[in-house]
Amino acid sequence: MDLNKEIINAVKSNKAIIGTKESINLMKNKKCKLVIFAQNTPINVKEELESISKITNIPIKMFKGNNKELGILCKKPFNISVIAIKG
């Protein structure tokens, strides 16, 4: 499935959790099926997501756009670096 469509569907169905801390907590508790981060997400956050992904086997994908574009796609008036999609 197209990543943009998956994000839009998750937002519409209230399955998208926005925020780095919230997404990391969901990953650690294995309560999400996918985590998406913007291209300009800080390197330390990317490394933490990759580390948790290896442990939990939850896939992470990079959104081909910056955090402003991810915020626009999610129809939010703010930048979004990381979102988690609940299963």
Protein backbone atom coordinates (compact mmCIF):
# COMPACT_ATOMS: atom_id res chain seq x y z
CA MET A 1 0.00 0.00 0.00
CA ASP A 2 1.11 3.56 -0.67
CA LEU A 3 2.56 5.10 2.49
CA ASN A 4 0.67 8.38 2.04
CA LYS A 5 -2.65 6.53 1.70
CA GLU A 6 -1.86 4.44 4.76
CA ILE A 7 -1.18 7.60 6.79
CA ILE A 8 -4.39 9.28 5.57
CA ASN A 9 -6.48 6.18 6.36
CA ALA A 10 -4.92 5.86 9.83
CA VAL A 11 -5.65 9.52 10.62
CA LYS A 12 -9.26 9.21 9.40
CA SER A 13 -9.85 6.07 11.47
CA ASN A 14 -8.15 7.51 14.58
CA LYS A 15 -5.43 4.83 14.50
CA ALA A 16 -2.58 7.33 14.07
CA ILE A 17 -0.76 8.37 17.24
CA ILE A 18 1.22 11.56 16.77
CA GLY A 19 4.45 12.36 18.57
CA THR A 20 7.88 10.93 19.19
CA LYS A 21 7.41 10.02 22.87
CA GLU A 22 3.98 8.50 22.30
CA SER A 23 5.19 6.48 19.30
CA ILE A 24 8.22 5.17 21.19
CA ASN A 25 6.02 4.13 24.12
CA LEU A 26 3.65 2.27 21.77
CA MET A 27 6.61 0.53 20.13
CA LYS A 28 8.07 -0.55 23.47
CA ASN A 29 4.68 -1.95 24.49
CA LYS A 30 4.15 -3.56 21.07
CA LYS A 31 0.86 -1.71 20.59
CA CYS A 32 1.43 -0.48 17.05
CA LYS A 33 1.96 -2.11 13.68
CA LEU A 34 4.04 0.58 11.97
CA VAL A 35 6.00 3.72 12.81
CA ILE A 36 6.63 6.46 10.26
CA PHE A 37 9.13 9.28 10.61
CA ALA A 38 9.81 12.38 8.51
CA GLN A 39 13.05 12.76 6.53
CA ASN A 40 14.28 15.58 8.73
CA THR A 41 13.69 13.77 12.03
CA PRO A 42 16.75 14.21 14.29
CA ILE A 43 19.34 11.45 13.93
CA ASN A 44 19.14 10.48 17.61
CA VAL A 45 15.39 9.86 17.26
CA LYS A 46 15.92 7.79 14.09
CA GLU A 47 18.55 5.70 15.88
CA GLU A 48 16.25 5.11 18.85
CA LEU A 49 13.39 4.07 16.53
CA GLU A 50 15.73 1.69 14.66
CA SER A 51 16.98 0.19 17.92
CA ILE A 52 13.47 -0.43 19.28
CA SER A 53 12.37 -1.76 15.88
CA LYS A 54 15.09 -4.44 15.97
CA ILE A 55 13.94 -5.56 19.41
CA THR A 56 10.18 -5.48 18.79
CA ASN A 57 10.11 -6.34 15.06
CA ILE A 58 7.80 -3.37 14.44
CA PRO A 59 8.62 -1.91 11.02
CA ILE A 60 9.62 1.71 10.63
CA LYS A 61 9.37 3.66 7.39
CA MET A 62 10.65 7.03 6.31
CA PHE A 63 8.11 9.50 4.96
CA LYS A 64 9.48 11.10 1.80
CA GLY A 65 9.01 14.63 3.02
CA ASN A 66 9.86 16.84 5.97
CA ASN A 67 7.99 17.17 9.26
CA LYS A 68 5.97 20.13 7.95
CA GLU A 69 4.73 18.06 4.98
CA LEU A 70 3.88 15.16 7.30
CA GLY A 71 1.85 17.54 9.47
CA ILE A 72 -0.01 18.80 6.39
CA LEU A 73 -0.74 15.23 5.25
CA CYS A 74 -2.17 14.48 8.71
CA LYS A 75 -4.27 17.70 8.47
CA LYS A 76 -2.64 19.18 11.56
CA PRO A 77 -1.57 22.81 11.99
CA PHE A 78 1.85 21.78 13.33
CA ASN A 79 4.91 19.82 12.27
CA ILE A 80 4.97 16.07 12.89
CA SER A 81 8.22 14.11 13.05
CA VAL A 82 6.93 10.68 14.10
CA ILE A 83 3.59 8.87 14.00
CA ALA A 84 2.67 5.37 15.04
CA ILE A 85 -0.16 3.40 13.49
CA LYS A 86 -2.06 1.14 15.85
CA GLY A 87 -2.89 -2.34 14.62
